Amino acid sequence: MKRIVSVFILMIMLLTAIPLSVSAAAPGYMEVKITKKNVKNYLEVKKIKRYDEFGDYSGYFFGLYSKMRKKGYYLYSSDGVAVKISGTEKSKYKYKKKWKKSSYKFKNSTVTFNQFIGGGGSESSYKYAKLTKVKYKKAKGTMIFVRPDNVIGVKLERTDSDGDKVYRIMLKYPYDQNTNCESHWDDVQEKEIIDYYYITRLVSRYDNELARY
């Protein structure tokens, strides 16, 4: 009887130890509901260098990065993800051949994967620029990650005339029926065979989005 009770207690402990923010997902995927409490575990705001059409430095801005990318997780979807932050942006820019320093405090600025905060043009120093005293005020949305063991490989699909590149991240398993796939017709089995599933990532000449998410 004591053994049964002990096993039951252990099961309860294991179940309660699972973070409520992480939800069950399709095989090969992980879903995370972003909140103010866990946002630092999954997201960060980093500096992104910009380039012009000729590949020359044209400034910088600050945008969201997925911390899970370093662990091998690709972002499948970021439905409604937004973060509201406060902090101080420090910059240095050249004016009449002289460098001048600037400091700007911002409150409750919202940043998403498609929107950015702060930044400067080609006259601004990329090396000096930074965000300090960053505080996450609010966070929301659901992030769906592709687990590392679901990734077959990554290949360059095409390079556009403006320098943007499209990559294809090949997957073993789909998230749902809407996941893209590559297939071929098998004459022996007389049916369509799926070779792999995939997601595409547009990487602009301005930044390396494969590293971002």
N, C-alpha and C. Protein backbone atom coordinates (compact mmCIF):
# COMPACT_ATOMS: atom_id res chain seq x y z
N MET A 1 0.83 -1.20 0.00
CA MET A 1 0.00 0.00 0.00
C MET A 1 0.87 1.26 0.00
N LYS A 2 1.92 1.23 0.83
CA LYS A 2 2.81 2.38 0.91
C LYS A 2 3.50 2.63 -0.43
N ARG A 3 3.84 1.52 -1.12
CA ARG A 3 4.51 1.65 -2.42
C ARG A 3 3.58 2.32 -3.43
N ILE A 4 2.29 1.95 -3.43
CA ILE A 4 1.31 2.54 -4.34
C ILE A 4 1.16 4.03 -4.07
N VAL A 5 1.09 4.39 -2.79
CA VAL A 5 0.95 5.80 -2.41
C VAL A 5 2.18 6.59 -2.84
N SER A 6 3.36 5.99 -2.66
CA SER A 6 4.61 6.67 -3.04
C SER A 6 4.67 6.93 -4.54
N VAL A 7 4.28 5.93 -5.33
CA VAL A 7 4.27 6.08 -6.78
C VAL A 7 3.27 7.15 -7.19
N PHE A 8 2.11 7.18 -6.53
CA PHE A 8 1.07 8.18 -6.84
C PHE A 8 1.58 9.59 -6.54
N ILE A 9 2.27 9.76 -5.42
CA ILE A 9 2.82 11.06 -5.05
C ILE A 9 3.89 11.50 -6.05
N LEU A 10 4.72 10.54 -6.47
CA LEU A 10 5.77 10.84 -7.43
C LEU A 10 5.18 11.31 -8.76
N MET A 11 4.09 10.67 -9.19
CA MET A 11 3.44 11.06 -10.44
C MET A 11 2.91 12.49 -10.35
N ILE A 12 2.32 12.82 -9.20
CA ILE A 12 1.79 14.18 -9.00
C ILE A 12 2.92 15.20 -9.06
N MET A 13 4.05 14.87 -8.44
CA MET A 13 5.20 15.78 -8.43
C MET A 13 5.73 16.01 -9.83
N LEU A 14 5.79 14.96 -10.63
CA LEU A 14 6.29 15.09 -11.99
C LEU A 14 5.36 15.93 -12.85
N LEU A 15 4.07 15.73 -12.67
CA LEU A 15 3.09 16.49 -13.45
C LEU A 15 3.10 17.96 -13.08
N THR A 16 3.18 18.26 -11.80
CA THR A 16 3.18 19.66 -11.36
C THR A 16 4.48 20.36 -11.66
N ALA A 17 5.53 19.59 -11.94
CA ALA A 17 6.82 20.18 -12.26
C ALA A 17 6.88 20.70 -13.69
N ILE A 18 5.94 20.30 -14.55
CA ILE A 18 5.90 20.74 -15.93
C ILE A 18 5.38 22.18 -15.98
N PRO A 19 6.14 23.14 -16.59
CA PRO A 19 5.69 24.52 -16.66
C PRO A 19 4.35 24.64 -17.37
N LEU A 20 3.46 25.43 -16.81
CA LEU A 20 2.14 25.59 -17.40
C LEU A 20 2.21 26.33 -18.73
N SER A 21 3.30 27.10 -18.96
CA SER A 21 3.42 27.87 -20.19
C SER A 21 3.72 26.99 -21.39
N VAL A 22 4.25 25.78 -21.16
CA VAL A 22 4.57 24.87 -22.25
C VAL A 22 3.40 23.91 -22.46
N SER A 23 2.83 23.93 -23.67
CA SER A 23 1.66 23.12 -23.96
C SER A 23 2.03 21.93 -24.82
N ALA A 24 1.16 20.94 -24.81
CA ALA A 24 1.36 19.77 -25.67
C ALA A 24 1.20 20.21 -27.12
N ALA A 25 2.01 19.63 -27.99
CA ALA A 25 1.96 20.00 -29.40
C ALA A 25 2.12 18.75 -30.25
N ALA A 26 2.06 18.94 -31.56
CA ALA A 26 2.25 17.83 -32.48
C ALA A 26 3.66 17.27 -32.32
N PRO A 27 3.86 16.00 -32.62
CA PRO A 27 5.20 15.39 -32.51
C PRO A 27 6.23 16.19 -33.30
N GLY A 28 7.36 16.51 -32.65
CA GLY A 28 8.40 17.28 -33.30
C GLY A 28 8.29 18.78 -33.08
N TYR A 29 7.31 19.20 -32.27
CA TYR A 29 7.07 20.63 -32.04
C TYR A 29 6.87 20.91 -30.54
N MET A 30 7.04 22.18 -30.17
CA MET A 30 6.80 22.62 -28.80
C MET A 30 6.08 23.96 -28.83
N GLU A 31 5.02 24.08 -28.06
CA GLU A 31 4.26 25.33 -27.99
C GLU A 31 4.51 26.01 -26.64
N VAL A 32 4.73 27.32 -26.68
CA VAL A 32 4.99 28.08 -25.47
C VAL A 32 4.13 29.34 -25.47
N LYS A 33 3.39 29.54 -24.41
CA LYS A 33 2.62 30.76 -24.25
C LYS A 33 3.51 31.79 -23.56
N ILE A 34 3.79 32.89 -24.23
CA ILE A 34 4.71 33.91 -23.71
C ILE A 34 3.99 34.80 -22.70
N THR A 35 4.61 34.99 -21.54
CA THR A 35 4.07 35.86 -20.49
C THR A 35 5.20 36.77 -19.98
N LYS A 36 4.83 37.70 -19.16
CA LYS A 36 5.82 38.60 -18.56
C LYS A 36 6.83 37.82 -17.72
N LYS A 37 6.37 36.72 -17.10
CA LYS A 37 7.25 35.95 -16.23
C LYS A 37 8.27 35.10 -16.98
N ASN A 38 7.89 34.59 -18.15
CA ASN A 38 8.81 33.67 -18.84
C ASN A 38 9.45 34.25 -20.10
N VAL A 39 9.13 35.50 -20.44
CA VAL A 39 9.61 36.07 -21.71
C VAL A 39 11.13 36.05 -21.82
N LYS A 40 11.84 36.26 -20.70
CA LYS A 40 13.30 36.28 -20.74
C LYS A 40 13.89 34.91 -21.06
N ASN A 41 13.11 33.85 -20.86
CA ASN A 41 13.61 32.51 -21.16
C ASN A 41 13.59 32.20 -22.66
N TYR A 42 12.75 32.92 -23.40
CA TYR A 42 12.55 32.60 -24.80
C TYR A 42 12.90 33.72 -25.78
N LEU A 43 12.87 34.96 -25.31
CA LEU A 43 13.10 36.09 -26.20
C LEU A 43 14.11 37.09 -25.64
N GLU A 44 14.77 37.80 -26.53
CA GLU A 44 15.66 38.88 -26.14
C GLU A 44 15.69 39.92 -27.25
N VAL A 45 16.02 41.15 -26.88
CA VAL A 45 16.12 42.23 -27.85
C VAL A 45 17.60 42.47 -28.14
N LYS A 46 17.97 42.35 -29.43
CA LYS A 46 19.37 42.49 -29.81
C LYS A 46 19.53 43.49 -30.96
N LYS A 47 20.75 43.92 -31.14
CA LYS A 47 21.08 44.89 -32.19
C LYS A 47 21.25 44.19 -33.54
N ILE A 48 20.71 44.78 -34.59
CA ILE A 48 20.77 44.21 -35.92
C ILE A 48 21.40 45.23 -36.88
N LYS A 49 22.44 44.82 -37.56
CA LYS A 49 23.13 45.72 -38.50
C LYS A 49 22.38 45.76 -39.83
N ARG A 50 22.34 46.94 -40.44
CA ARG A 50 21.66 47.12 -41.72
C ARG A 50 22.69 47.40 -42.83
N TYR A 51 22.33 46.97 -44.04
CA TYR A 51 23.17 47.22 -45.22
C TYR A 51 22.31 47.77 -46.34
N ASP A 52 22.92 48.56 -47.21
CA ASP A 52 22.16 49.09 -48.35
C ASP A 52 22.28 48.16 -49.56
N GLU A 53 21.79 48.61 -50.70
CA GLU A 53 21.77 47.79 -51.91
C GLU A 53 23.16 47.40 -52.39
N PHE A 54 24.17 48.16 -52.00
CA PHE A 54 25.54 47.88 -52.42
C PHE A 54 26.33 47.10 -51.38
N GLY A 55 25.65 46.71 -50.30
CA GLY A 55 26.32 45.95 -49.25
C GLY A 55 27.09 46.80 -48.27
N ASP A 56 26.89 48.12 -48.32
CA ASP A 56 27.57 49.02 -47.39
C ASP A 56 26.74 49.22 -46.13
N TYR A 57 27.40 49.52 -45.04
CA TYR A 57 26.74 49.74 -43.76
C TYR A 57 25.77 50.92 -43.84
N SER A 58 24.55 50.73 -43.38
CA SER A 58 23.55 51.80 -43.46
C SER A 58 22.85 52.03 -42.12
N GLY A 59 23.42 51.50 -41.03
CA GLY A 59 22.83 51.75 -39.70
C GLY A 59 22.45 50.47 -38.98
N TYR A 60 21.57 50.60 -38.00
CA TYR A 60 21.18 49.47 -37.16
C TYR A 60 19.81 49.72 -36.56
N PHE A 61 19.23 48.68 -36.02
CA PHE A 61 18.01 48.81 -35.22
C PHE A 61 18.01 47.68 -34.21
N PHE A 62 17.07 47.71 -33.29
CA PHE A 62 16.95 46.68 -32.27
C PHE A 62 15.67 45.87 -32.52
N GLY A 63 15.82 44.55 -32.52
CA GLY A 63 14.69 43.68 -32.80
C GLY A 63 14.69 42.43 -31.93
N LEU A 64 13.61 41.66 -32.01
CA LEU A 64 13.46 40.44 -31.21
C LEU A 64 14.30 39.30 -31.78
N TYR A 65 14.88 38.54 -30.90
CA TYR A 65 15.59 37.31 -31.23
C TYR A 65 15.00 36.18 -30.38
N SER A 66 14.93 35.01 -30.95
CA SER A 66 14.51 33.84 -30.19
C SER A 66 15.73 33.22 -29.51
N LYS A 67 15.68 33.09 -28.21
CA LYS A 67 16.78 32.46 -27.48
C LYS A 67 16.87 30.97 -27.77
N MET A 68 15.76 30.39 -28.22
CA MET A 68 15.73 28.96 -28.50
C MET A 68 16.50 28.60 -29.77
N ARG A 69 16.76 29.61 -30.62
CA ARG A 69 17.49 29.33 -31.85
C ARG A 69 18.89 28.78 -31.56
N LYS A 70 19.52 29.30 -30.51
CA LYS A 70 20.85 28.84 -30.13
C LYS A 70 20.85 27.37 -29.71
N LYS A 71 19.68 26.89 -29.30
CA LYS A 71 19.55 25.50 -28.85
C LYS A 71 19.10 24.58 -29.98
N GLY A 72 18.99 25.12 -31.18
CA GLY A 72 18.63 24.30 -32.33
C GLY A 72 17.16 24.30 -32.68
N TYR A 73 16.34 25.10 -31.99
CA TYR A 73 14.91 25.18 -32.25
C TYR A 73 14.63 26.28 -33.28
N TYR A 74 13.90 25.95 -34.33
CA TYR A 74 13.45 26.96 -35.29
C TYR A 74 12.03 27.39 -34.90
N LEU A 75 11.73 28.65 -35.16
CA LEU A 75 10.40 29.16 -34.85
C LEU A 75 9.46 28.85 -36.01
N TYR A 76 8.44 28.03 -35.74
CA TYR A 76 7.46 27.66 -36.75
C TYR A 76 6.40 28.75 -36.89
N SER A 77 5.98 29.29 -35.76
CA SER A 77 4.95 30.32 -35.76
C SER A 77 5.09 31.20 -34.52
N SER A 78 4.76 32.48 -34.67
CA SER A 78 4.80 33.41 -33.52
C SER A 78 3.50 34.20 -33.49
N ASP A 79 2.40 33.49 -33.41
CA ASP A 79 1.07 34.09 -33.50
C ASP A 79 0.82 35.10 -32.39
N GLY A 80 0.69 36.37 -32.76
CA GLY A 80 0.36 37.43 -31.81
C GLY A 80 1.43 37.76 -30.80
N VAL A 81 2.68 37.34 -31.03
CA VAL A 81 3.75 37.60 -30.07
C VAL A 81 4.13 39.08 -30.10
N ALA A 82 4.09 39.71 -28.94
CA ALA A 82 4.48 41.12 -28.80
C ALA A 82 5.04 41.33 -27.40
N VAL A 83 6.04 42.18 -27.33
CA VAL A 83 6.69 42.46 -26.05
C VAL A 83 6.75 43.97 -25.84
N LYS A 84 6.36 44.41 -24.66
CA LYS A 84 6.42 45.83 -24.33
C LYS A 84 7.58 46.04 -23.36
N ILE A 85 8.53 46.87 -23.73
CA ILE A 85 9.72 47.04 -22.90
C ILE A 85 10.01 48.51 -22.62
N SER A 86 10.82 48.73 -21.59
CA SER A 86 11.34 50.05 -21.25
C SER A 86 12.84 49.93 -21.10
N GLY A 87 13.55 51.03 -21.31
CA GLY A 87 14.99 50.98 -21.18
C GLY A 87 15.64 52.26 -21.67
N THR A 88 16.94 52.20 -21.86
CA THR A 88 17.70 53.35 -22.33
C THR A 88 18.55 52.96 -23.53
N GLU A 89 18.43 53.73 -24.59
CA GLU A 89 19.24 53.50 -25.78
C GLU A 89 20.41 54.49 -25.81
N LYS A 90 21.61 53.96 -25.87
CA LYS A 90 22.80 54.80 -25.95
C LYS A 90 23.38 54.70 -27.36
N SER A 91 23.71 55.85 -27.94
CA SER A 91 24.23 55.86 -29.30
C SER A 91 25.32 56.91 -29.47
N LYS A 92 26.03 56.78 -30.57
CA LYS A 92 27.07 57.74 -30.92
C LYS A 92 26.96 57.98 -32.42
N TYR A 93 26.90 59.24 -32.81
CA TYR A 93 26.75 59.57 -34.23
C TYR A 93 27.72 60.68 -34.63
N LYS A 94 28.04 60.68 -35.91
CA LYS A 94 29.00 61.66 -36.42
C LYS A 94 28.26 62.88 -36.98
N TYR A 95 28.66 64.05 -36.49
CA TYR A 95 28.06 65.30 -36.93
C TYR A 95 29.18 66.30 -37.19
N LYS A 96 29.30 66.75 -38.45
CA LYS A 96 30.37 67.67 -38.86
C LYS A 96 31.74 67.13 -38.47
N LYS A 97 31.95 65.86 -38.82
CA LYS A 97 33.23 65.17 -38.62
C LYS A 97 33.59 64.95 -37.16
N LYS A 98 32.63 65.16 -36.27
CA LYS A 98 32.87 64.92 -34.85
C LYS A 98 31.85 63.93 -34.30
N TRP A 99 32.29 63.06 -33.38
CA TRP A 99 31.40 62.07 -32.78
C TRP A 99 30.69 62.68 -31.57
N LYS A 100 29.39 62.48 -31.51
CA LYS A 100 28.60 62.96 -30.39
C LYS A 100 27.82 61.80 -29.78
N LYS A 101 27.75 61.78 -28.46
CA LYS A 101 27.04 60.71 -27.77
C LYS A 101 25.61 61.16 -27.44
N SER A 102 24.72 60.20 -27.44
CA SER A 102 23.31 60.49 -27.15
C SER A 102 22.73 59.39 -26.28
N SER A 103 21.80 59.76 -25.41
CA SER A 103 21.13 58.79 -24.55
C SER A 103 19.64 59.09 -24.55
N TYR A 104 18.84 58.06 -24.81
CA TYR A 104 17.39 58.25 -24.91
C TYR A 104 16.67 57.20 -24.08
N LYS A 105 15.80 57.64 -23.18
CA LYS A 105 15.00 56.73 -22.37
C LYS A 105 13.64 56.53 -23.03
N PHE A 106 13.22 55.28 -23.14
CA PHE A 106 11.91 55.01 -23.71
C PHE A 106 11.10 54.15 -22.73
N LYS A 107 9.80 54.34 -22.76
CA LYS A 107 8.91 53.61 -21.87
C LYS A 107 7.81 52.93 -22.69
N ASN A 108 7.54 51.70 -22.33
CA ASN A 108 6.44 50.95 -22.92
C ASN A 108 6.46 50.95 -24.45
N SER A 109 7.63 50.66 -25.02
CA SER A 109 7.75 50.53 -26.47
C SER A 109 7.45 49.08 -26.85
N THR A 110 6.61 48.88 -27.85
CA THR A 110 6.22 47.54 -28.26
C THR A 110 7.09 47.06 -29.43
N VAL A 111 7.57 45.84 -29.33
CA VAL A 111 8.38 45.25 -30.39
C VAL A 111 7.84 43.87 -30.74
N THR A 112 7.80 43.54 -32.03
CA THR A 112 7.39 42.24 -32.52
C THR A 112 8.48 41.74 -33.47
N PHE A 113 8.27 40.57 -34.09
CA PHE A 113 9.26 40.06 -35.03
C PHE A 113 9.25 40.86 -36.33
N ASN A 114 8.19 41.63 -36.57
CA ASN A 114 8.09 42.44 -37.79
C ASN A 114 8.28 43.92 -37.53
N GLN A 115 8.39 44.30 -36.27
CA GLN A 115 8.58 45.70 -35.91
C GLN A 115 9.83 45.83 -35.04
N PHE A 116 10.44 47.02 -35.09
CA PHE A 116 11.69 47.23 -34.37
C PHE A 116 11.60 48.49 -33.52
N ILE A 117 12.55 48.64 -32.63
CA ILE A 117 12.60 49.83 -31.80
C ILE A 117 13.99 50.45 -31.89
N GLY A 118 14.04 51.77 -31.74
CA GLY A 118 15.32 52.47 -31.75
C GLY A 118 16.07 52.29 -33.04
N GLY A 119 17.37 52.62 -32.98
CA GLY A 119 18.20 52.46 -34.15
C GLY A 119 18.76 53.77 -34.65
N GLY A 120 19.64 53.66 -35.64
CA GLY A 120 20.26 54.84 -36.22
C GLY A 120 20.69 54.58 -37.65
N GLY A 121 21.06 55.65 -38.36
CA GLY A 121 21.44 55.54 -39.75
C GLY A 121 22.93 55.30 -39.93
N SER A 122 23.40 55.51 -41.15
CA SER A 122 24.80 55.22 -41.49
C SER A 122 25.78 56.10 -40.74
N GLU A 123 25.30 57.24 -40.23
CA GLU A 123 26.18 58.13 -39.47
C GLU A 123 26.35 57.67 -38.01
N SER A 124 25.62 56.65 -37.61
CA SER A 124 25.66 56.16 -36.24
C SER A 124 26.65 55.00 -36.09
N SER A 125 27.25 54.90 -34.93
CA SER A 125 28.22 53.84 -34.65
C SER A 125 27.50 52.56 -34.23
N TYR A 126 27.70 51.51 -35.00
CA TYR A 126 27.08 50.22 -34.66
C TYR A 126 27.73 49.63 -33.41
N LYS A 127 29.04 49.74 -33.31
CA LYS A 127 29.79 49.14 -32.20
C LYS A 127 29.39 49.77 -30.86
N TYR A 128 29.17 51.07 -30.83
CA TYR A 128 28.88 51.77 -29.57
C TYR A 128 27.43 51.59 -29.13
N ALA A 129 26.51 51.54 -30.06
CA ALA A 129 25.08 51.52 -29.75
C ALA A 129 24.70 50.32 -28.88
N LYS A 130 23.83 50.55 -27.90
CA LYS A 130 23.37 49.47 -27.04
C LYS A 130 22.12 49.89 -26.27
N LEU A 131 21.40 48.88 -25.78
CA LEU A 131 20.26 49.10 -24.91
C LEU A 131 20.66 48.72 -23.49
N THR A 132 20.32 49.54 -22.54
CA THR A 132 20.64 49.26 -21.14
C THR A 132 19.38 49.38 -20.28
N LYS A 133 19.45 48.79 -19.11
CA LYS A 133 18.35 48.84 -18.14
C LYS A 133 17.02 48.39 -18.76
N VAL A 134 17.09 47.37 -19.57
CA VAL A 134 15.88 46.88 -20.25
C VAL A 134 14.97 46.14 -19.27
N LYS A 135 13.72 46.52 -19.26
CA LYS A 135 12.71 45.87 -18.41
C LYS A 135 11.53 45.44 -19.28
N TYR A 136 11.11 44.21 -19.11
CA TYR A 136 9.97 43.69 -19.86
C TYR A 136 8.69 44.00 -19.09
N LYS A 137 7.87 44.87 -19.63
CA LYS A 137 6.67 45.33 -18.94
C LYS A 137 5.47 44.41 -19.20
N LYS A 138 5.35 43.96 -20.45
CA LYS A 138 4.26 43.06 -20.83
C LYS A 138 4.74 42.11 -21.92
N ALA A 139 4.09 40.98 -22.03
CA ALA A 139 4.42 40.03 -23.10
C ALA A 139 3.21 39.14 -23.36
N LYS A 140 3.00 38.81 -24.63
CA LYS A 140 1.86 37.95 -24.96
C LYS A 140 2.13 37.20 -26.26
N GLY A 141 1.29 36.22 -26.54
CA GLY A 141 1.38 35.46 -27.78
C GLY A 141 1.83 34.03 -27.55
N THR A 142 1.74 33.23 -28.60
CA THR A 142 2.15 31.83 -28.54
C THR A 142 3.24 31.56 -29.56
N MET A 143 4.31 30.94 -29.12
CA MET A 143 5.41 30.58 -30.01
C MET A 143 5.40 29.07 -30.21
N ILE A 144 5.42 28.65 -31.46
CA ILE A 144 5.49 27.23 -31.80
C ILE A 144 6.89 26.96 -32.36
N PHE A 145 7.63 26.10 -31.68
CA PHE A 145 9.00 25.80 -32.07
C PHE A 145 9.10 24.43 -32.73
N VAL A 146 9.99 24.34 -33.71
CA VAL A 146 10.34 23.04 -34.30
C VAL A 146 11.48 22.47 -33.48
N ARG A 147 11.30 21.29 -32.92
CA ARG A 147 12.34 20.67 -32.11
C ARG A 147 13.54 20.28 -33.00
N PRO A 148 14.74 20.30 -32.44
CA PRO A 148 15.95 19.97 -33.22
C PRO A 148 15.90 18.60 -33.88
N ASP A 149 15.30 17.60 -33.21
CA ASP A 149 15.26 16.26 -33.78
C ASP A 149 14.24 16.12 -34.91
N ASN A 150 13.50 17.21 -35.19
CA ASN A 150 12.54 17.21 -36.29
C ASN A 150 13.13 17.85 -37.54
N VAL A 151 14.33 18.40 -37.43
CA VAL A 151 14.98 19.10 -38.55
C VAL A 151 15.88 18.16 -39.32
N ILE A 152 15.61 18.01 -40.62
CA ILE A 152 16.44 17.18 -41.49
C ILE A 152 17.66 17.95 -41.96
N GLY A 153 17.44 19.21 -42.34
CA GLY A 153 18.53 20.04 -42.83
C GLY A 153 18.01 21.38 -43.34
N VAL A 154 18.92 22.24 -43.77
CA VAL A 154 18.56 23.56 -44.29
C VAL A 154 19.28 23.77 -45.63
N LYS A 155 18.54 24.25 -46.62
CA LYS A 155 19.18 24.52 -47.91
C LYS A 155 18.69 25.85 -48.49
N LEU A 156 19.57 26.46 -49.27
CA LEU A 156 19.23 27.72 -49.93
C LEU A 156 18.32 27.42 -51.11
N GLU A 157 17.14 28.03 -51.11
CA GLU A 157 16.17 27.79 -52.18
C GLU A 157 16.39 28.72 -53.35
N ARG A 158 16.63 30.00 -53.04
CA ARG A 158 16.90 30.96 -54.11
C ARG A 158 17.45 32.26 -53.53
N THR A 159 18.09 33.04 -54.39
CA THR A 159 18.55 34.38 -54.04
C THR A 159 17.88 35.38 -54.97
N ASP A 160 17.13 36.31 -54.40
CA ASP A 160 16.41 37.28 -55.21
C ASP A 160 17.35 38.35 -55.77
N SER A 161 16.86 39.10 -56.74
CA SER A 161 17.68 40.11 -57.41
C SER A 161 18.13 41.22 -56.46
N ASP A 162 17.37 41.46 -55.39
CA ASP A 162 17.74 42.51 -54.45
C ASP A 162 18.67 42.03 -53.34
N GLY A 163 19.07 40.76 -53.41
CA GLY A 163 20.01 40.24 -52.42
C GLY A 163 19.37 39.45 -51.31
N ASP A 164 18.04 39.47 -51.23
CA ASP A 164 17.35 38.68 -50.22
C ASP A 164 17.46 37.19 -50.56
N LYS A 165 17.54 36.35 -49.54
CA LYS A 165 17.66 34.91 -49.76
C LYS A 165 16.49 34.17 -49.11
N VAL A 166 16.08 33.09 -49.74
CA VAL A 166 15.01 32.25 -49.21
C VAL A 166 15.60 30.88 -48.89
N TYR A 167 15.47 30.48 -47.63
CA TYR A 167 15.97 29.18 -47.20
C TYR A 167 14.80 28.23 -46.95
N ARG A 168 15.05 26.95 -47.17
CA ARG A 168 14.05 25.93 -46.88
C ARG A 168 14.57 25.06 -45.73
N ILE A 169 13.80 25.03 -44.64
CA ILE A 169 14.15 24.20 -43.48
C ILE A 169 13.34 22.92 -43.58
N MET A 170 14.01 21.82 -43.85
CA MET A 170 13.35 20.55 -44.12
C MET A 170 13.05 19.81 -42.81
N LEU A 171 11.82 19.28 -42.71
CA LEU A 171 11.34 18.68 -41.48
C LEU A 171 10.86 17.24 -41.69
N LYS A 172 10.90 16.46 -40.61
CA LYS A 172 10.41 15.09 -40.66
C LYS A 172 8.89 15.03 -40.51
N TYR A 173 8.37 15.85 -39.61
CA TYR A 173 6.94 15.77 -39.27
C TYR A 173 6.24 17.11 -39.49
N PRO A 174 4.97 17.07 -39.86
CA PRO A 174 4.20 18.32 -40.04
C PRO A 174 3.61 18.77 -38.71
N TYR A 175 3.31 20.07 -38.65
CA TYR A 175 2.60 20.57 -37.46
C TYR A 175 1.11 20.29 -37.62
N ASP A 176 0.59 20.54 -38.81
CA ASP A 176 -0.81 20.23 -39.12
C ASP A 176 -0.93 20.03 -40.63
N GLN A 177 -2.16 19.97 -41.11
CA GLN A 177 -2.40 19.72 -42.54
C GLN A 177 -1.95 20.88 -43.42
N ASN A 178 -1.66 22.03 -42.83
CA ASN A 178 -1.23 23.19 -43.61
C ASN A 178 0.28 23.28 -43.79
N THR A 179 1.03 22.39 -43.16
CA THR A 179 2.49 22.41 -43.30
C THR A 179 2.90 22.04 -44.72
N ASN A 180 3.76 22.85 -45.31
CA ASN A 180 4.23 22.59 -46.67
C ASN A 180 4.98 21.27 -46.75
N CYS A 181 4.93 20.64 -47.92
CA CYS A 181 5.67 19.38 -48.09
C CYS A 181 6.18 19.24 -49.51
N GLU A 182 7.24 18.45 -49.67
CA GLU A 182 7.78 18.09 -50.97
C GLU A 182 7.44 16.62 -51.20
N SER A 183 6.89 16.30 -52.37
CA SER A 183 6.44 14.93 -52.62
C SER A 183 6.73 14.49 -54.04
N HIS A 184 6.54 13.20 -54.30
CA HIS A 184 6.71 12.67 -55.65
C HIS A 184 5.74 11.51 -55.86
N TRP A 185 5.47 11.20 -57.11
CA TRP A 185 4.56 10.09 -57.44
C TRP A 185 5.34 8.79 -57.54
N ASP A 186 4.86 7.77 -56.82
CA ASP A 186 5.49 6.45 -56.83
C ASP A 186 4.67 5.52 -57.73
N ASP A 187 5.28 5.09 -58.85
CA ASP A 187 4.56 4.24 -59.80
C ASP A 187 4.27 2.85 -59.24
N VAL A 188 5.15 2.35 -58.40
CA VAL A 188 4.96 1.01 -57.82
C VAL A 188 3.78 1.01 -56.87
N GLN A 189 3.77 1.98 -55.95
CA GLN A 189 2.69 2.04 -54.96
C GLN A 189 1.47 2.75 -55.51
N GLU A 190 1.66 3.44 -56.66
CA GLU A 190 0.58 4.20 -57.29
C GLU A 190 -0.05 5.21 -56.33
N LYS A 191 0.81 5.97 -55.73
CA LYS A 191 0.33 7.03 -54.84
C LYS A 191 1.43 8.07 -54.64
N GLU A 192 1.01 9.23 -54.13
CA GLU A 192 1.93 10.33 -53.85
C GLU A 192 2.69 10.04 -52.55
N ILE A 193 4.01 10.13 -52.62
CA ILE A 193 4.85 9.88 -51.45
C ILE A 193 5.46 11.21 -50.98
N ILE A 194 5.34 11.49 -49.69
CA ILE A 194 5.91 12.71 -49.13
C ILE A 194 7.38 12.49 -48.82
N ASP A 195 8.24 13.33 -49.40
CA ASP A 195 9.68 13.23 -49.17
C ASP A 195 10.06 13.89 -47.84
N TYR A 196 9.52 15.08 -47.63
CA TYR A 196 9.76 15.80 -46.37
C TYR A 196 8.80 16.98 -46.28
N TYR A 197 8.67 17.51 -45.08
CA TYR A 197 7.90 18.73 -44.84
C TYR A 197 8.89 19.88 -44.72
N TYR A 198 8.39 21.10 -44.82
CA TYR A 198 9.34 22.21 -44.71
C TYR A 198 8.65 23.53 -44.36
N ILE A 199 9.47 24.45 -43.86
CA ILE A 199 9.07 25.84 -43.69
C ILE A 199 10.11 26.68 -44.42
N THR A 200 9.71 27.83 -44.92
CA THR A 200 10.64 28.71 -45.62
C THR A 200 10.96 29.93 -44.76
N ARG A 201 12.14 30.46 -44.96
CA ARG A 201 12.56 31.64 -44.19
C ARG A 201 13.19 32.64 -45.15
N LEU A 202 12.58 33.82 -45.24
CA LEU A 202 13.14 34.89 -46.06
C LEU A 202 14.19 35.63 -45.23
N VAL A 203 15.40 35.63 -45.72
CA VAL A 203 16.50 36.30 -45.02
C VAL A 203 16.89 37.52 -45.83
N SER A 204 16.57 38.70 -45.31
CA SER A 204 16.86 39.93 -46.03
C SER A 204 18.35 40.24 -45.95
N ARG A 205 18.78 41.10 -46.85
CA ARG A 205 20.19 41.49 -46.87
C ARG A 205 20.53 42.35 -45.65
N TYR A 206 19.52 42.79 -44.92
CA TYR A 206 19.76 43.65 -43.77
C TYR A 206 20.19 42.88 -42.52
N ASP A 207 19.75 41.63 -42.39
CA ASP A 207 20.11 40.89 -41.18
C ASP A 207 19.97 39.40 -41.43
N ASN A 208 20.58 38.60 -40.56
CA ASN A 208 20.53 37.15 -40.69
C ASN A 208 19.37 36.61 -39.88
N GLU A 209 18.21 36.46 -40.51
CA GLU A 209 17.02 36.03 -39.79
C GLU A 209 17.05 34.56 -39.41
N LEU A 210 17.94 33.80 -40.04
CA LEU A 210 18.09 32.41 -39.62
C LEU A 210 18.65 32.35 -38.21
N ALA A 211 19.43 33.33 -37.84
CA ALA A 211 19.96 33.40 -36.48
C ALA A 211 18.95 34.01 -35.51
N ARG A 212 18.01 34.78 -36.07
CA ARG A 212 17.02 35.45 -35.20
C ARG A 212 15.93 34.49 -34.73
N TYR A 213 15.42 33.67 -35.66
CA TYR A 213 14.32 32.78 -35.27
C TYR A 213 14.21 31.56 -36.17
